[in-house]
Amino acid sequence: MAADSPSNPPEPELPGRGSRVCLEEITRDNLRAFLNLKVRSDQEGFVAPNAVSVAQAHFHPEAWFRGIVADGTPVGFAMLEDWTSMREAAHEAFRKEPYVGLWRFMVDARYQAHGFGAEALKLLIARARTLLPDGVMLTSYVPGEGCPGPFYLRHGFVETGKLDGIERVLRLPL
């Protein structure tokens, strides 16, 4: 049987460097694809599973979450903490210094080191700038081998010297 016969179609091409990256709304039609994305086993302690993030988002009105897609393929997940439209409900830290928080960010193990995370982060920063042009973007990470700290630092975030529990807090002026 030929490799590209109708009963044995060619494998779909996986996205690679240069693929178009976008942030896509997660719906009931594509939810499972995003829930199935996983980081490497040595990274599991650095980010919650996507199912936990989606569940939390449904109980936190400040959560804005999207799937990261490269050329139509789900490759990651991101969630922002956005209090800008409900300042009166925001907690003290936001009222003291308005910010947009990068709450969750992950790229599936199969798609890491292809530039998808960098492109998605640029899109998230652009969104944060539209929400809070004169503010800052904050994120945090658990330190350790394979942690995302160096990735964030390469993309303009700086250490604040503050801790949120065991997580190091980073900031990026918008």
Foldseek 3Di string as FASTA:
>chain_A
DDCPDPVRHDDDDDFFAPFDKDWAADDPVCPVQAQPFDAPPVCPVKFPRVVVVVVVCVVQVQKDKTFIDTNRHGFWIWIKRHCLVPVVPDDPVCVVFNEIEGEGIDTGHVHPPRCSRVVVVVVVVVVRCVSPVQGKYKYWTQDDVPICVVVVVVVAWDFPPDADVRITMTMHGD
